[in-house]
Amino acid sequence: MQNVFRLDELIPRIELSPEEDVAMLELARSPFQSTHLVYMPPGRKIRPHYHRERDEVYVILGGRARLRIGNELFEVGKGYVAYVPRGTVHAAESIGADPLVLVFVSAPPYDPKRDRYYVD
């Protein structure tokens, strides 16, 4: 497993299929956490949902986003860090002209097929 990454080399490798709103490239995984590079084109959204078993941290590297965390809305861009504790409803929308790019850390590790509960 690689331990050091150059983001400017990784971002072009992220593939987004036409039916997806977000693309992710796994950077690291252990029994306790996973770390991904996330790419979301402008105008794309992640629907409101929550997780019963995991916490999430987002480190915004580029672009802008409107984040819902609980009952609050935040507009964030490069240099922001967001924490989403388990059980908290959250959503994201890529806003502005540039794609949203962020590092996403999940503890325990991210599993797209379990522990995601949509609220809409």
PDB file of N, CA and C in Angstrom:
ATOM      1  N   MET A   1       0.840  -1.180   0.000  1.00  0.00           N
ATOM      2  CA  MET A   1       0.000   0.000   0.000  1.00  0.00           C
ATOM      3  C   MET A   1       0.882   1.240   0.000  1.00  0.00           C
ATOM      4  N   GLN A   2       0.508   2.189  -0.790  1.00  0.00           N
ATOM      5  CA  GLN A   2       1.249   3.441  -0.889  1.00  0.00           C
ATOM      6  C   GLN A   2       0.939   4.312   0.319  1.00  0.00           C
ATOM      7  N   ASN A   3       1.945   5.029   0.828  1.00  0.00           N
ATOM      8  CA  ASN A   3       1.766   5.858   2.016  1.00  0.00           C
ATOM      9  C   ASN A   3       1.785   7.351   1.734  1.00  0.00           C
ATOM     10  N   VAL A   4       2.297   7.761   0.571  1.00  0.00           N
ATOM     11  CA  VAL A   4       2.388   9.180   0.224  1.00  0.00           C
ATOM     12  C   VAL A   4       1.821   9.357  -1.184  1.00  0.00           C
ATOM     13  N   PHE A   5       1.009  10.425  -1.368  1.00  0.00           N
ATOM     14  CA  PHE A   5       0.334  10.640  -2.643  1.00  0.00           C
ATOM     15  C   PHE A   5       0.540  12.072  -3.126  1.00  0.00           C
ATOM     16  N   ARG A   6       0.569  12.240  -4.426  1.00  0.00           N
ATOM     17  CA  ARG A   6       0.538  13.573  -5.048  1.00  0.00           C
ATOM     18  C   ARG A   6      -0.866  13.761  -5.601  1.00  0.00           C
ATOM     19  N   LEU A   7      -1.599  14.679  -5.008  1.00  0.00           N
ATOM     20  CA  LEU A   7      -2.991  14.864  -5.406  1.00  0.00           C
ATOM     21  C   LEU A   7      -3.138  15.278  -6.861  1.00  0.00           C
ATOM     22  N   ASP A   8      -2.210  16.096  -7.365  1.00  0.00           N
ATOM     23  CA  ASP A   8      -2.327  16.524  -8.763  1.00  0.00           C
ATOM     24  C   ASP A   8      -2.166  15.363  -9.737  1.00  0.00           C
ATOM     25  N   GLU A   9      -1.574  14.261  -9.294  1.00  0.00           N
ATOM     26  CA  GLU A   9      -1.482  13.062 -10.124  1.00  0.00           C
ATOM     27  C   GLU A   9      -2.708  12.152  -9.941  1.00  0.00           C
ATOM     28  N   LEU A  10      -3.307  12.177  -8.750  1.00  0.00           N
ATOM     29  CA  LEU A  10      -4.444  11.297  -8.472  1.00  0.00           C
ATOM     30  C   LEU A  10      -5.757  11.820  -9.045  1.00  0.00           C
ATOM     31  N   ILE A  11      -5.987  13.121  -8.961  1.00  0.00           N
ATOM     32  CA  ILE A  11      -7.276  13.678  -9.380  1.00  0.00           C
ATOM     33  C   ILE A  11      -7.627  13.301 -10.817  1.00  0.00           C
ATOM     34  N   PRO A  12      -6.705  13.357 -11.779  1.00  0.00           N
ATOM     35  CA  PRO A  12      -7.077  12.956 -13.147  1.00  0.00           C
ATOM     36  C   PRO A  12      -7.419  11.468 -13.280  1.00  0.00           C
ATOM     37  N   ARG A  13      -7.029  10.642 -12.320  1.00  0.00           N
ATOM     38  CA  ARG A  13      -7.313   9.204 -12.374  1.00  0.00           C
ATOM     39  C   ARG A  13      -8.701   8.840 -11.867  1.00  0.00           C
ATOM     40  N   ILE A  14      -9.393   9.798 -11.252  1.00  0.00           N
ATOM     41  CA  ILE A  14     -10.728   9.519 -10.724  1.00  0.00           C
ATOM     42  C   ILE A  14     -11.702   9.434 -11.893  1.00  0.00           C
ATOM     43  N   GLU A  15     -12.442   8.328 -11.951  1.00  0.00           N
ATOM     44  CA  GLU A  15     -13.407   8.128 -13.033  1.00  0.00           C
ATOM     45  C   GLU A  15     -14.823   8.272 -12.500  1.00  0.00           C
ATOM     46  N   LEU A  16     -15.610   9.105 -13.178  1.00  0.00           N
ATOM     47  CA  LEU A  16     -16.998   9.334 -12.807  1.00  0.00           C
ATOM     48  C   LEU A  16     -17.878   8.827 -13.936  1.00  0.00           C
ATOM     49  N   SER A  17     -18.726   7.851 -13.623  1.00  0.00           N
ATOM     50  CA  SER A  17     -19.644   7.355 -14.650  1.00  0.00           C
ATOM     51  C   SER A  17     -20.812   8.338 -14.775  1.00  0.00           C
ATOM     52  N   PRO A  18     -21.449   8.392 -15.935  1.00  0.00           N
ATOM     53  CA  PRO A  18     -22.513   9.380 -16.169  1.00  0.00           C
ATOM     54  C   PRO A  18     -23.682   9.281 -15.186  1.00  0.00           C
ATOM     55  N   GLU A  19     -23.955   8.103 -14.655  1.00  0.00           N
ATOM     56  CA  GLU A  19     -25.088   7.949 -13.743  1.00  0.00           C
ATOM     57  C   GLU A  19     -24.736   8.238 -12.285  1.00  0.00           C
ATOM     58  N   GLU A  20     -23.497   8.559 -11.986  1.00  0.00           N
ATOM     59  CA  GLU A  20     -23.077   8.847 -10.617  1.00  0.00           C
ATOM     60  C   GLU A  20     -22.966  10.343 -10.364  1.00  0.00           C
ATOM     61  N   ASP A  21     -23.207  10.741  -9.109  1.00  0.00           N
ATOM     62  CA  ASP A  21     -23.044  12.132  -8.720  1.00  0.00           C
ATOM     63  C   ASP A  21     -21.685  12.411  -8.093  1.00  0.00           C
ATOM     64  N   VAL A  22     -20.989  11.355  -7.697  1.00  0.00           N
ATOM     65  CA  VAL A  22     -19.708  11.508  -7.011  1.00  0.00           C
ATOM     66  C   VAL A  22     -18.818  10.318  -7.374  1.00  0.00           C
ATOM     67  N   ALA A  23     -17.515  10.569  -7.441  1.00  0.00           N
ATOM     68  CA  ALA A  23     -16.548   9.492  -7.675  1.00  0.00           C
ATOM     69  C   ALA A  23     -15.548   9.494  -6.533  1.00  0.00           C
ATOM     70  N   MET A  24     -15.108   8.289  -6.155  1.00  0.00           N
ATOM     71  CA  MET A  24     -14.180   8.153  -5.041  1.00  0.00           C
ATOM     72  C   MET A  24     -13.025   7.242  -5.422  1.00  0.00           C
ATOM     73  N   LEU A  25     -11.839   7.599  -4.950  1.00  0.00           N
ATOM     74  CA  LEU A  25     -10.640   6.802  -5.140  1.00  0.00           C
ATOM     75  C   LEU A  25     -10.093   6.481  -3.748  1.00  0.00           C
ATOM     76  N   GLU A  26     -10.043   5.193  -3.404  1.00  0.00           N
ATOM     77  CA  GLU A  26      -9.556   4.817  -2.077  1.00  0.00           C
ATOM     78  C   GLU A  26      -8.051   5.042  -1.981  1.00  0.00           C
ATOM     79  N   LEU A  27      -7.632   5.729  -0.912  1.00  0.00           N
ATOM     80  CA  LEU A  27      -6.218   6.000  -0.669  1.00  0.00           C
ATOM     81  C   LEU A  27      -5.636   5.083   0.393  1.00  0.00           C
ATOM     82  N   ALA A  28      -6.437   4.749   1.404  1.00  0.00           N
ATOM     83  CA  ALA A  28      -5.937   3.915   2.508  1.00  0.00           C
ATOM     84  C   ALA A  28      -7.114   3.234   3.194  1.00  0.00           C
ATOM     85  N   ARG A  29      -6.825   2.064   3.782  1.00  0.00           N
ATOM     86  CA  ARG A  29      -7.847   1.315   4.524  1.00  0.00           C
ATOM     87  C   ARG A  29      -7.162   0.507   5.606  1.00  0.00           C
ATOM     88  N   SER A  30      -7.760   0.507   6.777  1.00  0.00           N
ATOM     89  CA  SER A  30      -7.335  -0.345   7.880  1.00  0.00           C
ATOM     90  C   SER A  30      -8.608  -0.896   8.513  1.00  0.00           C
ATOM     91  N   PRO A  31      -8.485  -1.744   9.530  1.00  0.00           N
ATOM     92  CA  PRO A  31      -9.698  -2.216  10.206  1.00  0.00           C
ATOM     93  C   PRO A  31     -10.472  -1.092  10.906  1.00  0.00           C
ATOM     94  N   PHE A  32      -9.840   0.070  11.091  1.00  0.00           N
ATOM     95  CA  PHE A  32     -10.425   1.144  11.883  1.00  0.00           C
ATOM     96  C   PHE A  32     -10.909   2.340  11.078  1.00  0.00           C
ATOM     97  N   GLN A  33     -10.381   2.551   9.861  1.00  0.00           N
ATOM     98  CA  GLN A  33     -10.735   3.724   9.062  1.00  0.00           C
ATOM     99  C   GLN A  33     -10.479   3.458   7.593  1.00  0.00           C
ATOM    100  N   SER A  34     -11.081   4.296   6.744  1.00  0.00           N
ATOM    101  CA  SER A  34     -10.711   4.335   5.333  1.00  0.00           C
ATOM    102  C   SER A  34     -10.607   5.795   4.922  1.00  0.00           C
ATOM    103  N   THR A  35      -9.744   6.047   3.949  1.00  0.00           N
ATOM    104  CA  THR A  35      -9.521   7.398   3.446  1.00  0.00           C
ATOM    105  C   THR A  35      -9.671   7.371   1.936  1.00  0.00           C
ATOM    106  N   HIS A  36     -10.463   8.322   1.407  1.00  0.00           N
ATOM    107  CA  HIS A  36     -10.744   8.380  -0.023  1.00  0.00           C
ATOM    108  C   HIS A  36     -10.536   9.798  -0.541  1.00  0.00           C
ATOM    109  N   LEU A  37     -10.203   9.895  -1.823  1.00  0.00           N
ATOM    110  CA  LEU A  37     -10.217  11.152  -2.540  1.00  0.00           C
ATOM    111  C   LEU A  37     -11.550  11.204  -3.276  1.00  0.00           C
ATOM    112  N   VAL A  38     -12.295  12.294  -3.108  1.00  0.00           N
ATOM    113  CA  VAL A  38     -13.641  12.420  -3.659  1.00  0.00           C
ATOM    114  C   VAL A  38     -13.670  13.541  -4.687  1.00  0.00           C
ATOM    115  N   TYR A  39     -14.384  13.300  -5.778  1.00  0.00           N
ATOM    116  CA  TYR A  39     -14.543  14.269  -6.870  1.00  0.00           C
ATOM    117  C   TYR A  39     -16.036  14.384  -7.171  1.00  0.00           C
ATOM    118  N   MET A  40     -16.558  15.630  -7.148  1.00  0.00           N
ATOM    119  CA  MET A  40     -17.973  15.858  -7.431  1.00  0.00           C
ATOM    120  C   MET A  40     -18.108  17.060  -8.368  1.00  0.00           C
ATOM    121  N   PRO A  41     -18.589  16.844  -9.599  1.00  0.00           N
ATOM    122  CA  PRO A  41     -18.761  17.965 -10.533  1.00  0.00           C
ATOM    123  C   PRO A  41     -19.769  18.995 -10.009  1.00  0.00           C
ATOM    124  N   PRO A  42     -19.681  20.227 -10.503  1.00  0.00           N
ATOM    125  CA  PRO A  42     -20.642  21.259 -10.091  1.00  0.00           C
ATOM    126  C   PRO A  42     -22.080  20.816 -10.352  1.00  0.00           C
ATOM    127  N   GLY A  43     -22.945  21.158  -9.409  1.00  0.00           N
ATOM    128  CA  GLY A  43     -24.360  20.850  -9.546  1.00  0.00           C
ATOM    129  C   GLY A  43     -24.768  19.476  -9.056  1.00  0.00           C
ATOM    130  N   ARG A  44     -23.830  18.608  -8.770  1.00  0.00           N
ATOM    131  CA  ARG A  44     -24.152  17.256  -8.297  1.00  0.00           C
ATOM    132  C   ARG A  44     -24.421  17.288  -6.794  1.00  0.00           C
ATOM    133  N   LYS A  45     -25.248  16.328  -6.321  1.00  0.00           N
ATOM    134  CA  LYS A  45     -25.660  16.304  -4.917  1.00  0.00           C
ATOM    135  C   LYS A  45     -25.553  14.902  -4.329  1.00  0.00           C
ATOM    136  N   ILE A  46     -25.364  14.860  -3.033  1.00  0.00           N
ATOM    137  CA  ILE A  46     -25.508  13.634  -2.245  1.00  0.00           C
ATOM    138  C   ILE A  46     -26.737  13.848  -1.365  1.00  0.00           C
ATOM    139  N   ARG A  47     -27.717  12.968  -1.498  1.00  0.00           N
ATOM    140  CA  ARG A  47     -28.991  13.091  -0.779  1.00  0.00           C
ATOM    141  C   ARG A  47     -28.803  13.014   0.736  1.00  0.00           C
ATOM    142  N   PRO A  48     -29.724  13.644   1.495  1.00  0.00           N
ATOM    143  CA  PRO A  48     -29.639  13.572   2.958  1.00  0.00           C
ATOM    144  C   PRO A  48     -29.709  12.118   3.454  1.00  0.00           C
ATOM    145  N   HIS A  49     -28.789  11.783   4.341  1.00  0.00           N
ATOM    146  CA  HIS A  49     -28.710  10.440   4.896  1.00  0.00           C
ATOM    147  C   HIS A  49     -27.931  10.489   6.209  1.00  0.00           C
ATOM    148  N   TYR A  50     -27.866   9.360   6.885  1.00  0.00           N
ATOM    149  CA  TYR A  50     -27.070   9.261   8.099  1.00  0.00           C
ATOM    150  C   TYR A  50     -26.487   7.856   8.198  1.00  0.00           C
ATOM    151  N   HIS A  51     -25.553   7.694   9.141  1.00  0.00           N
ATOM    152  CA  HIS A  51     -24.899   6.411   9.394  1.00  0.00           C
ATOM    153  C   HIS A  51     -25.026   6.096  10.873  1.00  0.00           C
ATOM    154  N   ARG A  52     -25.395   4.884  11.192  1.00  0.00           N
ATOM    155  CA  ARG A  52     -25.524   4.486  12.595  1.00  0.00           C
ATOM    156  C   ARG A  52     -24.190   4.107  13.210  1.00  0.00           C
ATOM    157  N   GLU A  53     -23.239   3.659  12.369  1.00  0.00           N
ATOM    158  CA  GLU A  53     -22.016   3.044  12.895  1.00  0.00           C
ATOM    159  C   GLU A  53     -20.730   3.799  12.581  1.00  0.00           C
ATOM    160  N   ARG A  54     -20.796   4.911  11.857  1.00  0.00           N
ATOM    161  CA  ARG A  54     -19.517   5.535  11.514  1.00  0.00           C
ATOM    162  C   ARG A  54     -19.554   7.046  11.547  1.00  0.00           C
ATOM    163  N   ASP A  55     -18.386   7.622  11.822  1.00  0.00           N
ATOM    164  CA  ASP A  55     -18.141   9.057  11.796  1.00  0.00           C
ATOM    165  C   ASP A  55     -17.417   9.385  10.498  1.00  0.00           C
ATOM    166  N   GLU A  56     -17.579  10.621  10.036  1.00  0.00           N
ATOM    167  CA  GLU A  56     -16.916  11.051   8.803  1.00  0.00           C
ATOM    168  C   GLU A  56     -16.236  12.396   9.002  1.00  0.00           C
ATOM    169  N   VAL A  57     -15.124  12.581   8.297  1.00  0.00           N
ATOM    170  CA  VAL A  57     -14.407  13.859   8.257  1.00  0.00           C
ATOM    171  C   VAL A  57     -14.145  14.187   6.791  1.00  0.00           C
ATOM    172  N   TYR A  58     -14.413  15.440   6.409  1.00  0.00           N
ATOM    173  CA  TYR A  58     -14.140  15.915   5.051  1.00  0.00           C
ATOM    174  C   TYR A  58     -13.108  17.032   5.132  1.00  0.00           C
ATOM    175  N   VAL A  59     -12.063  16.948   4.307  1.00  0.00           N
ATOM    176  CA  VAL A  59     -11.068  18.007   4.182  1.00  0.00           C
ATOM    177  C   VAL A  59     -11.197  18.540   2.759  1.00  0.00           C
ATOM    178  N   ILE A  60     -11.676  19.777   2.627  1.00  0.00           N
ATOM    179  CA  ILE A  60     -11.957  20.345   1.309  1.00  0.00           C
ATOM    180  C   ILE A  60     -10.655  20.836   0.679  1.00  0.00           C
ATOM    181  N   LEU A  61     -10.352  20.300  -0.513  1.00  0.00           N
ATOM    182  CA  LEU A  61      -9.125  20.654  -1.227  1.00  0.00           C
ATOM    183  C   LEU A  61      -9.366  21.640  -2.360  1.00  0.00           C
ATOM    184  N   GLY A  62     -10.568  21.635  -2.925  1.00  0.00           N
ATOM    185  CA  GLY A  62     -10.874  22.526  -4.038  1.00  0.00           C
ATOM    186  C   GLY A  62     -12.354  22.547  -4.328  1.00  0.00           C
ATOM    187  N   GLY A  63     -12.796  23.566  -5.051  1.00  0.00           N
ATOM    188  CA  GLY A  63     -14.205  23.733  -5.340  1.00  0.00           C
ATOM    189  C   GLY A  63     -14.934  24.297  -4.137  1.00  0.00           C
ATOM    190  N   ARG A  64     -16.257  24.320  -4.240  1.00  0.00           N
ATOM    191  CA  ARG A  64     -17.093  24.821  -3.147  1.00  0.00           C
ATOM    192  C   ARG A  64     -18.253  23.861  -2.944  1.00  0.00           C
ATOM    193  N   ALA A  65     -18.760  23.818  -1.716  1.00  0.00           N
ATOM    194  CA  ALA A  65     -19.876  22.924  -1.413  1.00  0.00           C
ATOM    195  C   ALA A  65     -20.835  23.582  -0.443  1.00  0.00           C
ATOM    196  N   ARG A  66     -22.069  23.164  -0.544  1.00  0.00           N
ATOM    197  CA  ARG A  66     -23.069  23.467   0.469  1.00  0.00           C
ATOM    198  C   ARG A  66     -23.280  22.169   1.236  1.00  0.00           C
ATOM    199  N   LEU A  67     -22.918  22.185   2.508  1.00  0.00           N
ATOM    200  CA  LEU A  67     -23.049  21.002   3.354  1.00  0.00           C
ATOM    201  C   LEU A  67     -24.202  21.181   4.324  1.00  0.00           C
ATOM    202  N   ARG A  68     -24.983  20.151   4.460  1.00  0.00           N
ATOM    203  CA  ARG A  68     -25.971  20.081   5.543  1.00  0.00           C
ATOM    204  C   ARG A  68     -25.412  19.098   6.555  1.00  0.00           C
ATOM    205  N   ILE A  69     -25.279  19.558   7.791  1.00  0.00           N
ATOM    206  CA  ILE A  69     -24.858  18.699   8.893  1.00  0.00           C
ATOM    207  C   ILE A  69     -25.850  18.938  10.010  1.00  0.00           C
ATOM    208  N   GLY A  70     -26.681  17.932  10.263  1.00  0.00           N
ATOM    209  CA  GLY A  70     -27.781  18.118  11.206  1.00  0.00           C
ATOM    210  C   GLY A  70     -28.766  19.121  10.623  1.00  0.00           C
ATOM    211  N   ASN A  71     -29.119  20.145  11.390  1.00  0.00           N
ATOM    212  CA  ASN A  71     -30.048  21.170  10.934  1.00  0.00           C
ATOM    213  C   ASN A  71     -29.349  22.426  10.436  1.00  0.00           C
ATOM    214  N   GLU A  72     -28.030  22.368  10.290  1.00  0.00           N
ATOM    215  CA  GLU A  72     -27.272  23.548   9.865  1.00  0.00           C
ATOM    216  C   GLU A  72     -26.788  23.401   8.427  1.00  0.00           C
ATOM    217  N   LEU A  73     -26.714  24.539   7.724  1.00  0.00           N
ATOM    218  CA  LEU A  73     -26.152  24.592   6.370  1.00  0.00           C
ATOM    219  C   LEU A  73     -24.862  25.397   6.415  1.00  0.00           C
ATOM    220  N   PHE A  74     -23.849  24.910   5.695  1.00  0.00           N
ATOM    221  CA  PHE A  74     -22.543  25.568   5.638  1.00  0.00           C
ATOM    222  C   PHE A  74     -22.117  25.674   4.178  1.00  0.00           C
ATOM    223  N   GLU A  75     -21.556  26.810   3.795  1.00  0.00           N
ATOM    224  CA  GLU A  75     -20.896  26.922   2.498  1.00  0.00           C
ATOM    225  C   GLU A  75     -19.410  26.873   2.769  1.00  0.00           C
ATOM    226  N   VAL A  76     -18.742  25.898   2.141  1.00  0.00           N
ATOM    227  CA  VAL A  76     -17.335  25.647   2.424  1.00  0.00           C
ATOM    228  C   VAL A  76     -16.540  25.602   1.128  1.00  0.00           C
ATOM    229  N   GLY A  77     -15.252  25.812   1.263  1.00  0.00           N
ATOM    230  CA  GLY A  77     -14.333  25.730   0.137  1.00  0.00           C
ATOM    231  C   GLY A  77     -12.977  25.260   0.628  1.00  0.00           C
ATOM    232  N   LYS A  78     -11.990  25.426  -0.216  1.00  0.00           N
ATOM    233  CA  LYS A  78     -10.627  24.982   0.085  1.00  0.00           C
ATOM    234  C   LYS A  78     -10.191  25.459   1.472  1.00  0.00           C
ATOM    235  N   GLY A  79      -9.649  24.515   2.247  1.00  0.00           N
ATOM    236  CA  GLY A  79      -9.144  24.840   3.567  1.00  0.00           C
ATOM    237  C   GLY A  79     -10.101  24.535   4.705  1.00  0.00           C
ATOM    238  N   TYR A  80     -11.337  24.168   4.391  1.00  0.00           N
ATOM    239  CA  TYR A  80     -12.313  23.827   5.427  1.00  0.00           C
ATOM    240  C   TYR A  80     -12.223  22.343   5.783  1.00  0.00           C
ATOM    241  N   VAL A  81     -12.553  22.043   7.038  1.00  0.00           N
ATOM    242  CA  VAL A  81     -12.668  20.668   7.515  1.00  0.00           C
ATOM    243  C   VAL A  81     -14.045  20.542   8.157  1.00  0.00           C
ATOM    244  N   ALA A  82     -14.757  19.463   7.832  1.00  0.00           N
ATOM    245  CA  ALA A  82     -16.082  19.223   8.405  1.00  0.00           C
ATOM    246  C   ALA A  82     -16.095  17.860   9.083  1.00  0.00           C
ATOM    247  N   TYR A  83     -16.747  17.799  10.236  1.00  0.00           N
ATOM    248  CA  TYR A  83     -16.889  16.560  10.990  1.00  0.00           C
ATOM    249  C   TYR A  83     -18.366  16.202  11.066  1.00  0.00           C
ATOM    250  N   VAL A  84     -18.696  14.946  10.736  1.00  0.00           N
ATOM    251  CA  VAL A  84     -20.072  14.454  10.791  1.00  0.00           C
ATOM    252  C   VAL A  84     -20.101  13.252  11.739  1.00  0.00           C
ATOM    253  N   PRO A  85     -20.608  13.445  12.951  1.00  0.00           N
ATOM    254  CA  PRO A  85     -20.684  12.313  13.879  1.00  0.00           C
ATOM    255  C   PRO A  85     -21.762  11.317  13.454  1.00  0.00           C
ATOM    256  N   ARG A  86     -21.567  10.062  13.809  1.00  0.00           N
ATOM    257  CA  ARG A  86     -22.562   9.031  13.487  1.00  0.00           C
ATOM    258  C   ARG A  86     -23.927   9.448  14.010  1.00  0.00           C
ATOM    259  N   GLY A  87     -24.961   9.072  13.238  1.00  0.00           N
ATOM    260  CA  GLY A  87     -26.327   9.403  13.604  1.00  0.00           C
ATOM    261  C   GLY A  87     -26.794  10.771  13.148  1.00  0.00           C
ATOM    262  N   THR A  88     -25.913  11.574  12.556  1.00  0.00           N
ATOM    263  CA  THR A  88     -26.246  12.929  12.129  1.00  0.00           C
ATOM    264  C   THR A  88     -26.641  12.933  10.650  1.00  0.00           C
ATOM    265  N   VAL A  89     -27.812  13.473  10.343  1.00  0.00           N
ATOM    266  CA  VAL A  89     -28.224  13.604   8.945  1.00  0.00           C
ATOM    267  C   VAL A  89     -27.296  14.601   8.262  1.00  0.00           C
ATOM    268  N   HIS A  90     -26.833  14.245   7.076  1.00  0.00           N
ATOM    269  CA  HIS A  90     -25.954  15.131   6.330  1.00  0.00           C
ATOM    270  C   HIS A  90     -26.186  14.955   4.831  1.00  0.00           C
ATOM    271  N   ALA A  91     -25.792  15.989   4.074  1.00  0.00           N
ATOM    272  CA  ALA A  91     -25.924  16.006   2.619  1.00  0.00           C
ATOM    273  C   ALA A  91     -24.888  16.972   2.074  1.00  0.00           C
ATOM    274  N   ALA A  92     -24.640  16.889   0.767  1.00  0.00           N
ATOM    275  CA  ALA A  92     -23.658  17.780   0.140  1.00  0.00           C
ATOM    276  C   ALA A  92     -24.106  18.123  -1.271  1.00  0.00           C
ATOM    277  N   GLU A  93     -23.755  19.340  -1.695  1.00  0.00           N
ATOM    278  CA  GLU A  93     -23.989  19.778  -3.061  1.00  0.00           C
ATOM    279  C   GLU A  93     -22.765  20.545  -3.525  1.00  0.00           C
ATOM    280  N   SER A  94     -22.250  20.185  -4.689  1.00  0.00           N
ATOM    281  CA  SER A  94     -21.123  20.902  -5.288  1.00  0.00           C
ATOM    282  C   SER A  94     -21.666  22.172  -5.935  1.00  0.00           C
ATOM    283  N   ILE A  95     -21.189  23.330  -5.468  1.00  0.00           N
ATOM    284  CA  ILE A  95     -21.662  24.613  -5.999  1.00  0.00           C
ATOM    285  C   ILE A  95     -20.482  25.362  -6.600  1.00  0.00           C
ATOM    286  N   GLY A  96     -20.735  26.314  -7.441  1.00  0.00           N
ATOM    287  CA  GLY A  96     -19.669  27.084  -8.061  1.00  0.00           C
ATOM    288  C   GLY A  96     -19.268  26.493  -9.396  1.00  0.00           C
ATOM    289  N   ALA A  97     -18.219  27.037  -9.971  1.00  0.00           N
ATOM    290  CA  ALA A  97     -17.794  26.661 -11.326  1.00  0.00           C
ATOM    291  C   ALA A  97     -16.858  25.456 -11.360  1.00  0.00           C
ATOM    292  N   ASP A  98     -16.145  25.194 -10.283  1.00  0.00           N
ATOM    293  CA  ASP A  98     -15.149  24.124 -10.270  1.00  0.00           C
ATOM    294  C   ASP A  98     -15.673  22.896  -9.533  1.00  0.00           C
ATOM    295  N   PRO A  99     -15.177  21.707  -9.887  1.00  0.00           N
ATOM    296  CA  PRO A  99     -15.581  20.500  -9.161  1.00  0.00           C
ATOM    297  C   PRO A  99     -15.151  20.565  -7.701  1.00  0.00           C
ATOM    298  N   LEU A 100     -15.930  19.928  -6.861  1.00  0.00           N
ATOM    299  CA  LEU A 100     -15.576  19.780  -5.457  1.00  0.00           C
ATOM    300  C   LEU A 100     -14.600  18.618  -5.341  1.00  0.00           C
ATOM    301  N   VAL A 101     -13.475  18.847  -4.678  1.00  0.00           N
ATOM    302  CA  VAL A 101     -12.477  17.811  -4.437  1.00  0.00           C
ATOM    303  C   VAL A 101     -12.187  17.808  -2.940  1.00  0.00           C
ATOM    304  N   LEU A 102     -12.270  16.624  -2.333  1.00  0.00           N
ATOM    305  CA  LEU A 102     -12.029  16.550  -0.893  1.00  0.00           C
ATOM    306  C   LEU A 102     -11.447  15.206  -0.516  1.00  0.00           C
ATOM    307  N   VAL A 103     -10.819  15.180   0.649  1.00  0.00           N
ATOM    308  CA  VAL A 103     -10.390  13.932   1.275  1.00  0.00           C
ATOM    309  C   VAL A 103     -11.467  13.564   2.282  1.00  0.00           C
ATOM    310  N   PHE A 104     -11.899  12.320   2.219  1.00  0.00           N
ATOM    311  CA  PHE A 104     -12.988  11.795   3.037  1.00  0.00           C
ATOM    312  C   PHE A 104     -12.437  10.674   3.908  1.00  0.00           C
ATOM    313  N   VAL A 105     -12.555  10.833   5.231  1.00  0.00           N
ATOM    314  CA  VAL A 105     -12.104   9.808   6.177  1.00  0.00           C
ATOM    315  C   VAL A 105     -13.335   9.252   6.886  1.00  0.00           C
ATOM    316  N   SER A 106     -13.454   7.934   6.913  1.00  0.00           N
ATOM    317  CA  SER A 106     -14.566   7.255   7.567  1.00  0.00           C
ATOM    318  C   SER A 106     -14.026   6.311   8.627  1.00  0.00           C
ATOM    319  N   ALA A 107     -14.631   6.386   9.825  1.00  0.00           N
ATOM    320  CA  ALA A 107     -14.229   5.481  10.912  1.00  0.00           C
ATOM    321  C   ALA A 107     -15.488   4.918  11.561  1.00  0.00           C
ATOM    322  N   PRO A 108     -15.684   3.608  11.504  1.00  0.00           N
ATOM    323  CA  PRO A 108     -14.905   2.584  10.814  1.00  0.00           C
ATOM    324  C   PRO A 108     -14.950   2.755   9.295  1.00  0.00           C
ATOM    325  N   PRO A 109     -14.286   1.867   8.545  1.00  0.00           N
ATOM    326  CA  PRO A 109     -14.144   2.045   7.102  1.00  0.00           C
ATOM    327  C   PRO A 109     -15.472   2.168   6.355  1.00  0.00           C
ATOM    328  N   TYR A 110     -15.427   2.959   5.298  1.00  0.00           N
ATOM    329  CA  TYR A 110     -16.562   3.186   4.408  1.00  0.00           C
ATOM    330  C   TYR A 110     -16.961   1.891   3.710  1.00  0.00           C
ATOM    331  N   ASP A 111     -18.250   1.633   3.708  1.00  0.00           N
ATOM    332  CA  ASP A 111     -18.819   0.502   2.977  1.00  0.00           C
ATOM    333  C   ASP A 111     -20.097   1.013   2.326  1.00  0.00           C
ATOM    334  N   PRO A 112     -20.098   1.221   1.002  1.00  0.00           N
ATOM    335  CA  PRO A 112     -21.245   1.857   0.339  1.00  0.00           C
ATOM    336  C   PRO A 112     -22.526   1.027   0.372  1.00  0.00           C
ATOM    337  N   LYS A 113     -22.436  -0.240   0.695  1.00  0.00           N
ATOM    338  CA  LYS A 113     -23.633  -1.095   0.660  1.00  0.00           C
ATOM    339  C   LYS A 113     -24.289  -1.296   2.031  1.00  0.00           C
ATOM    340  N   ARG A 114     -23.671  -0.748   3.087  1.00  0.00           N
ATOM    341  CA  ARG A 114     -24.286  -0.896   4.400  1.00  0.00           C
ATOM    342  C   ARG A 114     -24.081   0.378   5.223  1.00  0.00           C
ATOM    343  N   ASP A 115     -24.903   0.550   6.193  1.00  0.00           N
ATOM    344  CA  ASP A 115     -24.843   1.681   7.118  1.00  0.00           C
ATOM    345  C   ASP A 115     -25.033   3.028   6.425  1.00  0.00           C
ATOM    346  N   ARG A 116     -25.996   3.099   5.500  1.00  0.00           N
ATOM    347  CA  ARG A 116     -26.406   4.373   4.907  1.00  0.00           C
ATOM    348  C   ARG A 116     -27.933   4.372   4.874  1.00  0.00           C
ATOM    349  N   TYR A 117     -28.524   5.357   5.542  1.00  0.00           N
ATOM    350  CA  TYR A 117     -29.972   5.429   5.671  1.00  0.00           C
ATOM    351  C   TYR A 117     -30.453   6.781   5.140  1.00  0.00           C
ATOM    352  N   TYR A 118     -31.149   6.782   4.012  1.00  0.00           N
ATOM    353  CA  TYR A 118     -31.650   8.016   3.408  1.00  0.00           C
ATOM    354  C   TYR A 118     -32.882   8.502   4.152  1.00  0.00           C
ATOM    355  N   VAL A 119     -33.043   9.819   4.234  1.00  0.00           N
ATOM    356  CA  VAL A 119     -34.157  10.395   4.987  1.00  0.00           C
ATOM    357  C   VAL A 119     -35.194  11.073   4.105  1.00  0.00           C
ATOM    358  N   ASP A 120     -34.970  11.225   2.835  1.00  0.00           N
ATOM    359  CA  ASP A 120     -35.967  11.854   1.940  1.00  0.00           C
ATOM    360  C   ASP A 120     -36.756  10.819   1.195  1.00  0.00           C
TER     361      ASP A 120
END
